Amino acid sequence: MINKRSIGEWGEKLAVKFLEKQGITILEKNFRCKIGEIDIIAKEKEYLVFIEVKYRKNLSRGYPREAVNYYKQRTISKVALWYIQKYKLWDKPCRFDVLEILGEYPNLKITLIRNAFYPIL
């Protein structure tokens, strides 16, 4: 039986491979704190990148990126701020991306949406 957690893990592994092929360095996967979670924290050139991964089999419920609503953006922003404070990364420029995976294997479309949203605090 396939559940949401195993689908999420599969999507995040696929995302990591995709990002690494783009030359993006993965710093953390599933970073958690008391506020929430960020799927992937990475580095691309000088940017600290916070990445939310979303998967959908089809468009019956819209594009995967549409699931990263205001409330999800706010949580990601707060967790990112916590991460920056914890590691004293105030001098690093940051970016918030969404990586969407659409379709069924082997016909998957993977799209990295850079600067998908601005932080909401």
Protein backbone atom coordinates (compact mmCIF):
# COMPACT_ATOMS: atom_id res chain seq x y z
CA MET A 1 0.00 0.00 0.00
CA ILE A 2 1.28 3.45 -0.95
CA ASN A 3 0.67 6.25 1.53
CA LYS A 4 1.31 10.00 1.48
CA ARG A 5 4.52 9.68 3.46
CA SER A 6 6.09 7.17 1.04
CA ILE A 7 4.99 9.28 -1.95
CA GLY A 8 6.51 12.34 -0.27
CA GLU A 9 9.80 10.53 0.37
CA TRP A 10 9.88 9.34 -3.25
CA GLY A 11 9.21 12.88 -4.51
CA GLU A 12 11.90 14.39 -2.32
CA LYS A 13 14.50 11.83 -3.47
CA LEU A 14 13.60 12.62 -7.07
CA ALA A 15 13.84 16.34 -6.28
CA VAL A 16 17.31 15.97 -4.73
CA LYS A 17 18.61 14.16 -7.83
CA PHE A 18 17.10 16.82 -10.09
CA LEU A 19 18.55 19.69 -8.03
CA GLU A 20 22.02 18.13 -7.87
CA LYS A 21 22.01 17.78 -11.68
CA GLN A 22 21.28 21.53 -11.81
CA GLY A 23 24.43 22.18 -9.75
CA ILE A 24 22.54 22.95 -6.55
CA THR A 25 24.17 21.72 -3.33
CA ILE A 26 21.85 20.10 -0.79
CA LEU A 27 22.51 21.23 2.79
CA GLU A 28 19.53 19.70 4.63
CA LYS A 29 16.58 17.43 3.85
CA ASN A 30 13.39 17.55 5.92
CA PHE A 31 14.67 20.23 8.26
CA ARG A 32 12.32 20.33 11.25
CA CYS A 33 11.90 22.62 14.21
CA LYS A 34 9.00 23.34 16.56
CA ILE A 35 7.49 25.74 14.00
CA GLY A 36 7.34 23.35 11.06
CA GLU A 37 9.40 21.78 8.29
CA ILE A 38 11.20 22.69 5.09
CA ASP A 39 11.62 19.89 2.56
CA ILE A 40 15.04 20.92 1.25
CA ILE A 41 17.55 23.59 2.19
CA ALA A 42 20.20 24.10 -0.45
CA LYS A 43 22.88 26.42 -1.76
CA GLU A 44 23.05 27.75 -5.30
CA LYS A 45 25.91 30.16 -5.94
CA GLU A 46 25.64 32.74 -3.15
CA TYR A 47 21.98 31.94 -2.36
CA LEU A 48 20.61 29.99 0.56
CA VAL A 49 17.58 28.29 -0.99
CA PHE A 50 14.52 26.99 0.86
CA ILE A 51 12.65 24.50 -1.34
CA GLU A 52 9.16 23.07 -0.97
CA VAL A 53 8.54 19.90 -3.01
CA LYS A 54 5.03 19.17 -4.27
CA TYR A 55 3.80 16.21 -6.31
CA ARG A 56 0.53 15.52 -8.07
CA LYS A 57 -0.41 12.66 -10.35
CA ASN A 58 -2.61 14.89 -12.54
CA LEU A 59 -4.19 18.33 -12.67
CA SER A 60 -7.58 17.32 -11.24
CA ARG A 61 -6.73 19.35 -8.11
CA GLY A 62 -4.62 21.98 -9.87
CA TYR A 63 -0.89 22.36 -10.26
CA PRO A 64 1.31 21.13 -7.41
CA ARG A 65 2.64 24.69 -6.91
CA GLU A 66 -0.88 25.84 -6.02
CA ALA A 67 -0.71 23.77 -2.83
CA VAL A 68 1.94 26.16 -1.50
CA ASN A 69 -0.66 28.62 -0.28
CA TYR A 70 -0.32 31.66 1.99
CA TYR A 71 -0.31 29.57 5.18
CA LYS A 72 2.32 27.14 3.87
CA GLN A 73 4.46 30.08 2.69
CA ARG A 74 4.17 31.68 6.11
CA THR A 75 5.27 28.48 7.87
CA ILE A 76 8.21 27.99 5.49
CA SER A 77 9.22 31.64 6.03
CA LYS A 78 9.20 31.24 9.81
CA VAL A 79 11.19 28.00 9.70
CA ALA A 80 13.68 29.66 7.33
CA LEU A 81 14.11 32.54 9.77
CA TRP A 82 14.68 30.06 12.60
CA TYR A 83 17.32 28.26 10.48
CA ILE A 84 19.06 31.55 9.63
CA GLN A 85 19.12 32.53 13.32
CA LYS A 86 20.36 29.12 14.44
CA TYR A 87 23.31 29.11 12.02
CA LYS A 88 23.90 32.90 12.03
CA LEU A 89 23.49 33.20 8.27
CA TRP A 90 22.31 36.84 8.27
CA ASP A 91 24.73 37.78 5.48
CA LYS A 92 23.39 35.19 3.02
CA PRO A 93 20.86 36.19 0.38
CA CYS A 94 17.88 33.83 0.48
CA ARG A 95 15.39 32.49 -2.02
CA PHE A 96 12.17 30.51 -1.70
CA ASP A 97 11.58 27.97 -4.47
CA VAL A 98 8.94 25.38 -5.24
CA LEU A 99 9.86 22.19 -7.05
CA GLU A 100 6.81 20.60 -8.61
CA ILE A 101 6.55 17.07 -9.90
CA LEU A 102 3.61 16.30 -12.14
CA GLY A 103 2.52 13.05 -13.76
CA GLU A 104 3.13 9.36 -13.32
CA TYR A 105 6.40 7.51 -13.69
CA PRO A 106 8.03 7.39 -16.23
CA ASN A 107 6.21 10.42 -17.71
CA LEU A 108 7.10 12.98 -15.08
CA LYS A 109 7.48 16.71 -15.58
CA ILE A 110 9.74 18.34 -12.99
CA THR A 111 9.77 22.13 -12.75
CA LEU A 112 11.86 24.25 -10.41
CA ILE A 113 10.15 27.57 -9.76
CA ARG A 114 12.82 29.93 -8.50
CA ASN A 115 11.66 32.83 -6.32
CA ALA A 116 8.21 31.24 -6.11
CA PHE A 117 7.29 33.52 -3.22
CA TYR A 118 8.68 36.15 -0.89
CA PRO A 119 8.94 35.51 2.86
CA ILE A 120 5.81 36.11 4.94
CA LEU A 121 6.34 36.68 8.63
